[in-house]
């Protein structure tokens, strides 16, 4: 997705982070905390949803990004690099009963962890979510991707072109309530 069609474009310049409105070109959020700037842009798009384009840079997250399921978060490949916060996830997508059919996408970025990061992407009760062209690495104490379903069946998950480096990040978990059968066949990993 080109940056020009995004609702917000996030970039780093000289240690400062900016969220620029994609249509007006106006800087709406700025600061030295990448998480705060990105989360402000995300929150400005709730509940309608939208697209956030992350320009090439390294974004060390101080806290997880909480994203609704109708959001498209896209980077520019390996150069758009998120570093997960200590003892937390880089990105968490959750839903509620009014949003469960909405589809979101996380694509074209690299997500790495610190020695004690929880993981890269956590999906909770999300019915449709696309994960495309993600490079997930260095989660020595955590997980790469975790899919949890408490209220809904976690069906139809397809991860395409996902690269996993290192043994700890080769784990993807599917969590279902104890009363439901474990649906291990719902996750399909396709090689590059």
N, C-alpha and C. Protein backbone atom coordinates (compact mmCIF):
# COMPACT_ATOMS: atom_id res chain seq x y z
N UNK A 1 0.86 -1.18 0.00
CA UNK A 1 0.00 0.00 0.00
C UNK A 1 0.90 1.23 0.00
N UNK A 2 0.77 2.09 -0.95
CA UNK A 2 1.60 3.28 -0.98
C UNK A 2 1.30 4.21 0.18
N UNK A 3 2.33 4.92 0.64
CA UNK A 3 2.16 5.86 1.75
C UNK A 3 1.11 6.92 1.42
N UNK A 4 0.99 7.29 0.16
CA UNK A 4 0.06 8.35 -0.24
C UNK A 4 -1.40 7.99 0.03
N UNK A 5 -1.73 6.70 0.12
CA UNK A 5 -3.11 6.30 0.38
C UNK A 5 -3.37 6.05 1.86
N UNK A 6 -2.38 6.29 2.70
CA UNK A 6 -2.51 6.02 4.13
C UNK A 6 -3.16 7.19 4.85
N UNK A 7 -3.85 6.85 5.94
CA UNK A 7 -4.45 7.89 6.78
C UNK A 7 -3.37 8.63 7.54
N UNK A 8 -2.39 7.87 8.06
CA UNK A 8 -1.24 8.47 8.74
C UNK A 8 0.04 7.84 8.21
N UNK A 9 1.08 8.65 8.14
CA UNK A 9 2.42 8.19 7.79
C UNK A 9 3.29 8.47 9.01
N UNK A 10 3.92 7.42 9.53
CA UNK A 10 4.78 7.57 10.71
C UNK A 10 6.23 7.52 10.24
N UNK A 11 7.02 8.46 10.76
CA UNK A 11 8.43 8.49 10.38
C UNK A 11 9.28 8.97 11.55
N UNK A 12 10.58 8.71 11.43
CA UNK A 12 11.54 9.14 12.44
C UNK A 12 12.52 10.09 11.78
N UNK A 13 12.85 11.16 12.49
CA UNK A 13 13.85 12.11 12.00
C UNK A 13 14.59 12.69 13.19
N UNK A 14 15.90 12.44 13.25
CA UNK A 14 16.76 12.96 14.31
C UNK A 14 16.25 12.62 15.71
N UNK A 15 15.81 11.38 15.90
CA UNK A 15 15.37 10.92 17.21
C UNK A 15 13.95 11.32 17.59
N UNK A 16 13.27 12.02 16.72
CA UNK A 16 11.88 12.41 16.97
C UNK A 16 10.98 11.60 16.03
N UNK A 17 9.76 11.33 16.48
CA UNK A 17 8.81 10.55 15.71
C UNK A 17 7.61 11.42 15.37
N UNK A 18 7.09 11.23 14.16
CA UNK A 18 6.00 12.06 13.66
C UNK A 18 4.93 11.20 13.03
N UNK A 19 3.67 11.56 13.25
CA UNK A 19 2.54 10.96 12.54
C UNK A 19 1.92 12.08 11.71
N UNK A 20 2.07 11.95 10.41
CA UNK A 20 1.63 12.98 9.48
C UNK A 20 0.36 12.49 8.80
N UNK A 21 -0.66 13.33 8.76
CA UNK A 21 -1.91 12.94 8.11
C UNK A 21 -1.65 12.75 6.62
N UNK A 22 -2.05 11.61 6.09
CA UNK A 22 -1.74 11.25 4.71
C UNK A 22 -2.41 12.11 3.66
N UNK A 23 -3.55 12.72 3.98
CA UNK A 23 -4.24 13.54 2.99
C UNK A 23 -3.89 15.02 3.11
N UNK A 24 -3.72 15.51 4.36
CA UNK A 24 -3.46 16.94 4.54
C UNK A 24 -1.98 17.28 4.60
N UNK A 25 -1.14 16.29 4.93
CA UNK A 25 0.29 16.53 5.08
C UNK A 25 0.65 17.21 6.39
N UNK A 26 -0.34 17.41 7.25
CA UNK A 26 -0.13 18.09 8.53
C UNK A 26 0.39 17.09 9.57
N UNK A 27 1.41 17.50 10.34
CA UNK A 27 1.90 16.69 11.45
C UNK A 27 0.88 16.81 12.58
N UNK A 28 0.26 15.69 12.95
CA UNK A 28 -0.76 15.70 13.99
C UNK A 28 -0.25 15.20 15.32
N UNK A 29 0.78 14.35 15.30
CA UNK A 29 1.35 13.82 16.54
C UNK A 29 2.86 13.81 16.39
N UNK A 30 3.57 14.19 17.45
CA UNK A 30 5.02 14.21 17.42
C UNK A 30 5.56 14.00 18.83
N UNK A 31 6.77 13.44 18.91
CA UNK A 31 7.41 13.26 20.20
C UNK A 31 8.60 12.34 20.10
N UNK A 32 9.26 12.14 21.23
CA UNK A 32 10.45 11.29 21.24
C UNK A 32 10.14 9.84 21.63
N UNK A 33 8.87 9.52 21.81
CA UNK A 33 8.43 8.16 22.16
C UNK A 33 7.66 7.57 20.97
N UNK A 34 8.26 6.62 20.28
CA UNK A 34 7.63 6.02 19.09
C UNK A 34 6.28 5.41 19.41
N UNK A 35 6.17 4.73 20.56
CA UNK A 35 4.90 4.10 20.93
C UNK A 35 3.80 5.13 21.11
N UNK A 36 4.10 6.22 21.78
CA UNK A 36 3.10 7.26 22.04
C UNK A 36 2.60 7.88 20.74
N UNK A 37 3.51 8.16 19.82
CA UNK A 37 3.13 8.77 18.55
C UNK A 37 2.27 7.80 17.73
N UNK A 38 2.72 6.54 17.62
CA UNK A 38 1.95 5.55 16.85
C UNK A 38 0.60 5.29 17.47
N UNK A 39 0.55 5.13 18.80
CA UNK A 39 -0.72 4.85 19.47
C UNK A 39 -1.68 6.02 19.33
N UNK A 40 -1.18 7.25 19.36
CA UNK A 40 -2.05 8.42 19.15
C UNK A 40 -2.68 8.38 17.77
N UNK A 41 -1.90 8.02 16.75
CA UNK A 41 -2.44 7.91 15.39
C UNK A 41 -3.48 6.79 15.32
N UNK A 42 -3.20 5.67 15.94
CA UNK A 42 -4.15 4.55 15.96
C UNK A 42 -5.44 4.97 16.64
N UNK A 43 -5.32 5.61 17.82
CA UNK A 43 -6.50 6.02 18.58
C UNK A 43 -7.34 7.04 17.82
N UNK A 44 -6.70 7.87 17.01
CA UNK A 44 -7.44 8.86 16.22
C UNK A 44 -8.31 8.20 15.15
N UNK A 45 -7.99 6.96 14.81
CA UNK A 45 -8.74 6.25 13.76
C UNK A 45 -9.84 5.34 14.31
N UNK A 46 -9.93 5.21 15.63
CA UNK A 46 -10.95 4.36 16.24
C UNK A 46 -12.26 5.14 16.27
N UNK A 47 -13.42 4.57 15.98
CA UNK A 47 -13.70 3.19 15.61
C UNK A 47 -13.71 2.95 14.10
N UNK A 48 -13.54 4.00 13.33
CA UNK A 48 -13.70 3.88 11.88
C UNK A 48 -12.64 3.01 11.21
N UNK A 49 -11.42 3.03 11.74
CA UNK A 49 -10.33 2.27 11.14
C UNK A 49 -9.58 3.12 10.14
N UNK A 50 -8.52 2.55 9.61
CA UNK A 50 -7.73 3.28 8.63
C UNK A 50 -6.40 2.61 8.38
N UNK A 51 -5.52 3.34 7.71
CA UNK A 51 -4.21 2.81 7.33
C UNK A 51 -3.11 3.65 7.96
N UNK A 52 -2.14 2.96 8.53
CA UNK A 52 -0.96 3.62 9.06
C UNK A 52 0.24 3.04 8.35
N UNK A 53 1.02 3.91 7.73
CA UNK A 53 2.20 3.51 6.98
C UNK A 53 3.43 3.87 7.80
N UNK A 54 4.29 2.89 8.07
CA UNK A 54 5.49 3.11 8.86
C UNK A 54 6.69 3.19 7.92
N UNK A 55 7.28 4.37 7.85
CA UNK A 55 8.44 4.60 6.98
C UNK A 55 9.67 3.88 7.53
N UNK A 56 10.66 3.61 6.68
CA UNK A 56 11.87 2.93 7.13
C UNK A 56 12.58 3.69 8.25
N UNK A 57 12.79 3.00 9.35
CA UNK A 57 13.52 3.50 10.53
C UNK A 57 13.42 2.40 11.58
N UNK A 58 14.14 2.58 12.67
CA UNK A 58 14.02 1.68 13.82
C UNK A 58 13.17 2.37 14.87
N UNK A 59 12.10 1.70 15.28
CA UNK A 59 11.16 2.23 16.25
C UNK A 59 11.21 1.36 17.50
N UNK A 60 11.89 1.82 18.54
CA UNK A 60 11.95 1.09 19.80
C UNK A 60 10.67 1.43 20.58
N UNK A 61 9.85 0.43 20.79
CA UNK A 61 8.55 0.64 21.45
C UNK A 61 8.72 0.63 22.97
N UNK A 62 8.14 1.61 23.64
CA UNK A 62 8.18 1.67 25.11
C UNK A 62 7.01 0.88 25.71
N UNK A 63 5.99 0.65 24.90
CA UNK A 63 4.83 -0.16 25.31
C UNK A 63 4.20 -0.73 24.04
N UNK A 64 3.35 -1.73 24.22
CA UNK A 64 2.74 -2.37 23.05
C UNK A 64 1.81 -1.41 22.31
N UNK A 65 1.65 -1.69 21.03
CA UNK A 65 0.66 -0.98 20.23
C UNK A 65 -0.63 -1.78 20.28
N UNK A 66 -1.70 -1.17 20.76
CA UNK A 66 -3.02 -1.82 20.83
C UNK A 66 -3.82 -1.38 19.62
N UNK A 67 -4.14 -2.36 18.79
CA UNK A 67 -4.74 -2.07 17.49
C UNK A 67 -6.11 -2.73 17.38
N UNK A 68 -7.14 -2.00 16.93
CA UNK A 68 -8.43 -2.64 16.65
C UNK A 68 -8.32 -3.46 15.36
N UNK A 69 -9.25 -4.39 15.15
CA UNK A 69 -9.12 -5.29 14.01
C UNK A 69 -9.36 -4.65 12.64
N UNK A 70 -9.83 -3.42 12.57
CA UNK A 70 -10.11 -2.79 11.28
C UNK A 70 -8.99 -1.84 10.85
N UNK A 71 -7.80 -2.09 11.31
CA UNK A 71 -6.65 -1.24 11.04
C UNK A 71 -5.69 -1.94 10.08
N UNK A 72 -5.10 -1.19 9.18
CA UNK A 72 -4.03 -1.70 8.32
C UNK A 72 -2.75 -1.00 8.77
N UNK A 73 -1.80 -1.80 9.22
CA UNK A 73 -0.51 -1.30 9.66
C UNK A 73 0.52 -1.87 8.71
N UNK A 74 1.17 -1.01 7.94
CA UNK A 74 2.09 -1.50 6.91
C UNK A 74 3.41 -0.73 6.96
N UNK A 75 4.46 -1.45 6.64
CA UNK A 75 5.78 -0.83 6.59
C UNK A 75 6.34 -0.91 5.19
N UNK A 76 7.66 -0.82 5.10
CA UNK A 76 8.35 -0.93 3.82
C UNK A 76 9.39 -2.04 3.89
N UNK A 77 8.99 -3.18 4.45
CA UNK A 77 9.87 -4.34 4.52
C UNK A 77 10.83 -4.28 5.68
N UNK A 78 12.00 -4.88 5.47
CA UNK A 78 13.01 -5.06 6.50
C UNK A 78 13.40 -3.73 7.16
N UNK A 79 13.39 -2.65 6.42
CA UNK A 79 13.84 -1.35 6.93
C UNK A 79 12.84 -0.71 7.88
N UNK A 80 11.58 -1.13 7.87
CA UNK A 80 10.58 -0.65 8.84
C UNK A 80 10.64 -1.61 10.01
N UNK A 81 11.36 -1.22 11.06
CA UNK A 81 11.76 -2.13 12.14
C UNK A 81 11.16 -1.70 13.47
N UNK A 82 10.31 -2.56 14.04
CA UNK A 82 9.77 -2.34 15.37
C UNK A 82 10.54 -3.21 16.35
N UNK A 83 10.96 -2.65 17.48
CA UNK A 83 11.58 -3.42 18.55
C UNK A 83 10.58 -3.49 19.69
N UNK A 84 10.19 -4.72 20.04
CA UNK A 84 9.17 -4.94 21.07
C UNK A 84 9.65 -4.41 22.42
N UNK A 85 8.72 -3.95 23.25
CA UNK A 85 9.10 -3.45 24.58
C UNK A 85 9.46 -4.60 25.52
N UNK A 86 10.11 -4.26 26.59
CA UNK A 86 10.46 -5.22 27.62
C UNK A 86 9.19 -5.75 28.28
N UNK A 87 9.10 -7.05 28.44
CA UNK A 87 8.00 -7.73 29.15
C UNK A 87 6.62 -7.44 28.57
N UNK A 88 6.56 -7.23 27.26
CA UNK A 88 5.26 -6.99 26.62
C UNK A 88 5.36 -7.37 25.14
N UNK A 89 4.23 -7.31 24.46
CA UNK A 89 4.13 -7.59 23.03
C UNK A 89 4.42 -6.33 22.24
N UNK A 90 4.88 -6.47 21.01
CA UNK A 90 5.04 -5.31 20.13
C UNK A 90 3.67 -4.82 19.68
N UNK A 91 2.82 -5.75 19.20
CA UNK A 91 1.50 -5.41 18.68
C UNK A 91 0.48 -6.36 19.26
N UNK A 92 -0.64 -5.82 19.72
CA UNK A 92 -1.75 -6.65 20.18
C UNK A 92 -3.02 -6.19 19.48
N UNK A 93 -3.69 -7.13 18.83
CA UNK A 93 -4.94 -6.85 18.15
C UNK A 93 -6.04 -7.55 18.94
N UNK A 94 -7.02 -6.79 19.41
CA UNK A 94 -8.14 -7.37 20.14
C UNK A 94 -9.44 -6.86 19.53
N UNK A 95 -10.51 -7.56 19.83
CA UNK A 95 -11.81 -7.18 19.28
C UNK A 95 -12.87 -7.23 20.36
N UNK A 96 -14.03 -6.73 20.02
CA UNK A 96 -15.19 -6.88 20.89
C UNK A 96 -16.35 -7.36 20.01
N UNK A 97 -17.49 -7.56 20.62
CA UNK A 97 -18.62 -8.17 19.89
C UNK A 97 -19.08 -7.34 18.69
N UNK A 98 -18.82 -6.04 18.68
CA UNK A 98 -19.24 -5.19 17.57
C UNK A 98 -18.23 -5.15 16.42
N UNK A 99 -17.01 -5.61 16.66
CA UNK A 99 -15.95 -5.49 15.66
C UNK A 99 -15.50 -6.81 15.09
N UNK A 100 -16.01 -7.92 15.55
CA UNK A 100 -15.39 -9.22 15.27
C UNK A 100 -15.34 -9.60 13.80
N UNK A 101 -16.18 -9.04 12.95
CA UNK A 101 -16.14 -9.38 11.53
C UNK A 101 -15.25 -8.46 10.70
N UNK A 102 -14.69 -7.45 11.32
CA UNK A 102 -13.83 -6.52 10.59
C UNK A 102 -12.48 -7.17 10.32
N UNK A 103 -11.88 -6.82 9.19
CA UNK A 103 -10.61 -7.40 8.79
C UNK A 103 -9.52 -6.35 8.84
N UNK A 104 -8.39 -6.72 9.42
CA UNK A 104 -7.24 -5.83 9.47
C UNK A 104 -6.02 -6.53 8.90
N UNK A 105 -4.95 -5.77 8.74
CA UNK A 105 -3.73 -6.32 8.15
C UNK A 105 -2.52 -5.71 8.84
N UNK A 106 -1.54 -6.56 9.08
CA UNK A 106 -0.21 -6.12 9.52
C UNK A 106 0.74 -6.69 8.47
N UNK A 107 1.52 -5.81 7.82
CA UNK A 107 2.34 -6.32 6.71
C UNK A 107 3.64 -5.53 6.53
N UNK A 108 4.56 -6.19 5.86
CA UNK A 108 5.78 -5.57 5.34
C UNK A 108 6.60 -4.84 6.40
N UNK A 109 6.99 -5.57 7.46
CA UNK A 109 7.85 -4.97 8.47
C UNK A 109 8.64 -6.05 9.20
N UNK A 110 9.65 -5.60 9.92
CA UNK A 110 10.47 -6.48 10.75
C UNK A 110 10.14 -6.15 12.20
N UNK A 111 9.93 -7.20 13.00
CA UNK A 111 9.66 -7.03 14.42
C UNK A 111 10.65 -7.90 15.18
N UNK A 112 11.45 -7.27 16.03
CA UNK A 112 12.41 -8.01 16.83
C UNK A 112 12.15 -7.75 18.30
N UNK A 113 12.73 -8.63 19.14
CA UNK A 113 12.50 -8.52 20.56
C UNK A 113 13.75 -8.24 21.35
N UNK A 114 13.54 -7.82 22.59
CA UNK A 114 14.61 -7.71 23.57
C UNK A 114 14.72 -9.06 24.26
N UNK A 115 15.66 -9.22 25.13
CA UNK A 115 15.87 -10.51 25.78
C UNK A 115 14.64 -10.94 26.60
N UNK A 116 13.83 -9.98 27.07
CA UNK A 116 12.66 -10.32 27.89
C UNK A 116 11.33 -9.89 27.27
N UNK A 117 11.29 -9.63 25.97
CA UNK A 117 10.03 -9.25 25.31
C UNK A 117 9.08 -10.45 25.27
N UNK A 118 7.78 -10.19 25.37
CA UNK A 118 6.78 -11.27 25.35
C UNK A 118 6.60 -11.86 23.96
N UNK A 119 6.59 -11.03 22.95
CA UNK A 119 6.40 -11.53 21.59
C UNK A 119 6.16 -10.42 20.60
N UNK A 120 5.99 -10.82 19.34
CA UNK A 120 5.82 -9.84 18.26
C UNK A 120 4.36 -9.44 18.08
N UNK A 121 3.48 -10.40 17.78
CA UNK A 121 2.08 -10.09 17.49
C UNK A 121 1.19 -11.03 18.29
N UNK A 122 0.26 -10.45 19.03
CA UNK A 122 -0.72 -11.22 19.80
C UNK A 122 -2.11 -10.86 19.27
N UNK A 123 -2.84 -11.87 18.83
CA UNK A 123 -4.19 -11.68 18.30
C UNK A 123 -5.17 -12.31 19.28
N UNK A 124 -6.10 -11.51 19.81
CA UNK A 124 -7.04 -11.99 20.82
C UNK A 124 -8.47 -11.81 20.32
N UNK A 125 -9.18 -12.92 20.16
CA UNK A 125 -10.59 -12.90 19.75
C UNK A 125 -10.82 -12.16 18.44
N UNK A 126 -9.88 -12.27 17.54
CA UNK A 126 -9.99 -11.62 16.24
C UNK A 126 -10.39 -12.68 15.22
N UNK A 127 -11.45 -12.42 14.49
CA UNK A 127 -11.96 -13.40 13.53
C UNK A 127 -11.18 -13.38 12.23
N UNK A 128 -10.84 -12.19 11.72
CA UNK A 128 -10.11 -12.05 10.46
C UNK A 128 -8.94 -11.09 10.66
N UNK A 129 -7.75 -11.56 10.42
CA UNK A 129 -6.58 -10.69 10.49
C UNK A 129 -5.54 -11.24 9.54
N UNK A 130 -4.99 -10.38 8.70
CA UNK A 130 -3.96 -10.80 7.75
C UNK A 130 -2.60 -10.40 8.29
N UNK A 131 -1.67 -11.33 8.25
CA UNK A 131 -0.27 -11.09 8.60
C UNK A 131 0.53 -11.42 7.36
N UNK A 132 1.15 -10.41 6.75
CA UNK A 132 1.82 -10.61 5.47
C UNK A 132 3.24 -10.04 5.50
N UNK A 133 4.17 -10.82 4.97
CA UNK A 133 5.55 -10.37 4.78
C UNK A 133 6.17 -9.81 6.05
N UNK A 134 6.01 -10.53 7.15
CA UNK A 134 6.59 -10.12 8.42
C UNK A 134 7.88 -10.89 8.66
N UNK A 135 8.88 -10.20 9.13
CA UNK A 135 10.11 -10.84 9.59
C UNK A 135 10.11 -10.70 11.11
N UNK A 136 10.08 -11.83 11.80
CA UNK A 136 9.99 -11.85 13.26
C UNK A 136 11.22 -12.57 13.78
N UNK A 137 11.99 -11.90 14.66
CA UNK A 137 13.25 -12.48 15.12
C UNK A 137 13.59 -12.03 16.54
N UNK A 138 14.47 -12.82 17.17
CA UNK A 138 15.10 -12.46 18.44
C UNK A 138 14.16 -12.44 19.64
N UNK A 139 13.18 -13.29 19.66
CA UNK A 139 12.34 -13.41 20.85
C UNK A 139 12.81 -14.62 21.64
N UNK A 140 13.91 -14.45 22.36
CA UNK A 140 14.52 -15.58 23.06
C UNK A 140 13.69 -16.04 24.25
N UNK A 141 12.93 -15.15 24.88
CA UNK A 141 12.11 -15.53 26.02
C UNK A 141 10.62 -15.53 25.68
N UNK A 142 10.26 -15.06 24.50
CA UNK A 142 8.85 -14.91 24.16
C UNK A 142 8.46 -15.69 22.93
N UNK A 143 7.38 -15.29 22.32
CA UNK A 143 6.82 -15.97 21.16
C UNK A 143 6.80 -15.03 19.97
N UNK A 144 6.78 -15.59 18.79
CA UNK A 144 6.66 -14.77 17.59
C UNK A 144 5.23 -14.28 17.43
N UNK A 145 4.31 -15.21 17.25
CA UNK A 145 2.90 -14.87 17.04
C UNK A 145 2.06 -15.75 17.95
N UNK A 146 1.12 -15.14 18.65
CA UNK A 146 0.20 -15.90 19.50
C UNK A 146 -1.22 -15.57 19.07
N UNK A 147 -2.00 -16.61 18.85
CA UNK A 147 -3.41 -16.46 18.49
C UNK A 147 -4.24 -17.04 19.62
N UNK A 148 -5.06 -16.21 20.22
CA UNK A 148 -5.91 -16.65 21.33
C UNK A 148 -7.36 -16.43 20.95
N UNK A 149 -8.17 -17.44 21.19
CA UNK A 149 -9.60 -17.30 20.94
C UNK A 149 -10.35 -17.70 22.19
N UNK A 150 -10.97 -16.73 22.82
CA UNK A 150 -11.73 -16.99 24.02
C UNK A 150 -13.22 -17.10 23.69
N UNK A 151 -13.69 -16.22 22.82
CA UNK A 151 -15.11 -16.15 22.52
C UNK A 151 -15.49 -16.76 21.18
N UNK A 152 -14.55 -16.84 20.26
CA UNK A 152 -14.87 -17.29 18.91
C UNK A 152 -13.95 -18.42 18.52
N UNK A 153 -14.36 -19.18 17.54
CA UNK A 153 -13.48 -20.18 16.95
C UNK A 153 -12.35 -19.47 16.22
N UNK A 154 -11.15 -19.92 16.41
CA UNK A 154 -10.00 -19.34 15.69
C UNK A 154 -9.81 -20.16 14.43
N UNK A 155 -10.52 -19.79 13.40
CA UNK A 155 -10.49 -20.55 12.16
C UNK A 155 -9.97 -19.71 11.01
N UNK A 156 -9.47 -20.39 10.02
CA UNK A 156 -9.14 -19.73 8.77
C UNK A 156 -7.88 -18.89 8.80
N UNK A 157 -6.97 -19.14 9.70
CA UNK A 157 -5.76 -18.35 9.77
C UNK A 157 -4.77 -18.80 8.72
N UNK A 158 -4.24 -17.86 7.98
CA UNK A 158 -3.26 -18.17 6.96
C UNK A 158 -2.14 -17.13 7.07
N UNK A 159 -0.94 -17.59 7.36
CA UNK A 159 0.21 -16.70 7.40
C UNK A 159 1.01 -16.96 6.14
N UNK A 160 1.14 -15.96 5.31
CA UNK A 160 1.86 -16.11 4.05
C UNK A 160 3.20 -15.39 4.12
N UNK A 161 4.20 -16.00 3.53
CA UNK A 161 5.53 -15.41 3.43
C UNK A 161 6.03 -14.93 4.79
N UNK A 162 5.85 -15.74 5.84
CA UNK A 162 6.32 -15.40 7.18
C UNK A 162 7.70 -15.99 7.39
N UNK A 163 8.63 -15.18 7.81
CA UNK A 163 9.99 -15.65 8.08
C UNK A 163 10.20 -15.71 9.58
N UNK A 164 10.68 -16.83 10.07
CA UNK A 164 10.95 -17.01 11.49
C UNK A 164 12.42 -17.35 11.65
N UNK A 165 13.11 -16.59 12.47
CA UNK A 165 14.54 -16.85 12.70
C UNK A 165 14.71 -17.26 14.14
N UNK A 166 15.40 -18.37 14.38
CA UNK A 166 15.70 -18.82 15.74
C UNK A 166 14.61 -19.70 16.30
N UNK A 167 15.00 -20.63 17.14
CA UNK A 167 14.05 -21.60 17.69
C UNK A 167 12.91 -20.98 18.47
N UNK A 168 13.14 -20.00 19.36
CA UNK A 168 12.01 -19.49 20.14
C UNK A 168 10.90 -18.90 19.29
N UNK A 169 11.21 -18.33 18.12
CA UNK A 169 10.17 -17.68 17.32
C UNK A 169 9.51 -18.64 16.34
N UNK A 170 9.91 -19.91 16.34
CA UNK A 170 9.25 -20.85 15.44
C UNK A 170 7.94 -21.35 16.03
N UNK A 171 7.65 -20.93 17.26
CA UNK A 171 6.43 -21.37 17.92
C UNK A 171 5.27 -20.42 17.59
N UNK A 172 4.19 -20.96 17.13
CA UNK A 172 2.95 -20.21 17.02
C UNK A 172 1.93 -20.99 17.82
N UNK A 173 1.22 -20.33 18.67
CA UNK A 173 0.26 -21.01 19.52
C UNK A 173 -1.17 -20.63 19.14
N UNK A 174 -2.04 -21.59 19.23
CA UNK A 174 -3.46 -21.36 19.02
C UNK A 174 -4.14 -21.70 20.34
N UNK A 175 -4.77 -20.73 20.97
CA UNK A 175 -5.41 -20.94 22.27
C UNK A 175 -6.92 -20.95 22.09
N UNK A 176 -7.55 -22.00 22.53
CA UNK A 176 -9.00 -22.08 22.51
C UNK A 176 -9.46 -22.43 23.91
N UNK A 177 -10.71 -22.13 24.27
CA UNK A 177 -11.20 -22.50 25.59
C UNK A 177 -11.10 -24.00 25.79
N UNK A 178 -10.94 -24.45 27.05
CA UNK A 178 -10.80 -25.89 27.32
C UNK A 178 -11.97 -26.72 26.81
N UNK A 179 -13.15 -26.13 26.70
CA UNK A 179 -14.32 -26.88 26.25
C UNK A 179 -14.33 -27.11 24.74
N UNK A 180 -13.48 -26.39 24.00
CA UNK A 180 -13.43 -26.53 22.55
C UNK A 180 -12.21 -27.35 22.16
N UNK A 181 -12.30 -28.12 21.09
CA UNK A 181 -11.13 -28.88 20.66
C UNK A 181 -10.03 -27.96 20.15
N UNK A 182 -8.79 -28.36 20.36
CA UNK A 182 -7.65 -27.60 19.84
C UNK A 182 -7.62 -27.75 18.33
N UNK A 183 -7.55 -26.64 17.62
CA UNK A 183 -7.65 -26.64 16.17
C UNK A 183 -6.27 -26.39 15.56
N UNK A 184 -5.37 -27.33 15.71
CA UNK A 184 -4.00 -27.11 15.29
C UNK A 184 -3.86 -26.96 13.77
N UNK A 185 -4.82 -27.43 13.01
CA UNK A 185 -4.70 -27.34 11.56
C UNK A 185 -5.09 -25.97 11.02
N UNK A 186 -5.48 -25.05 11.89
CA UNK A 186 -5.93 -23.74 11.42
C UNK A 186 -4.81 -22.76 11.15
N UNK A 187 -3.58 -23.11 11.48
CA UNK A 187 -2.46 -22.24 11.20
C UNK A 187 -1.65 -22.89 10.09
N UNK A 188 -1.42 -22.16 9.04
CA UNK A 188 -0.65 -22.67 7.91
C UNK A 188 0.52 -21.73 7.68
N UNK A 189 1.73 -22.25 7.80
CA UNK A 189 2.92 -21.45 7.54
C UNK A 189 3.45 -21.82 6.18
N UNK A 190 3.63 -20.85 5.33
CA UNK A 190 4.14 -21.09 3.99
C UNK A 190 5.55 -20.55 3.90
N UNK A 191 6.48 -21.29 3.32
CA UNK A 191 7.85 -20.78 3.22
C UNK A 191 7.94 -19.62 2.25
N UNK A 192 9.02 -18.84 2.39
CA UNK A 192 9.27 -17.71 1.48
C UNK A 192 9.39 -18.21 0.06
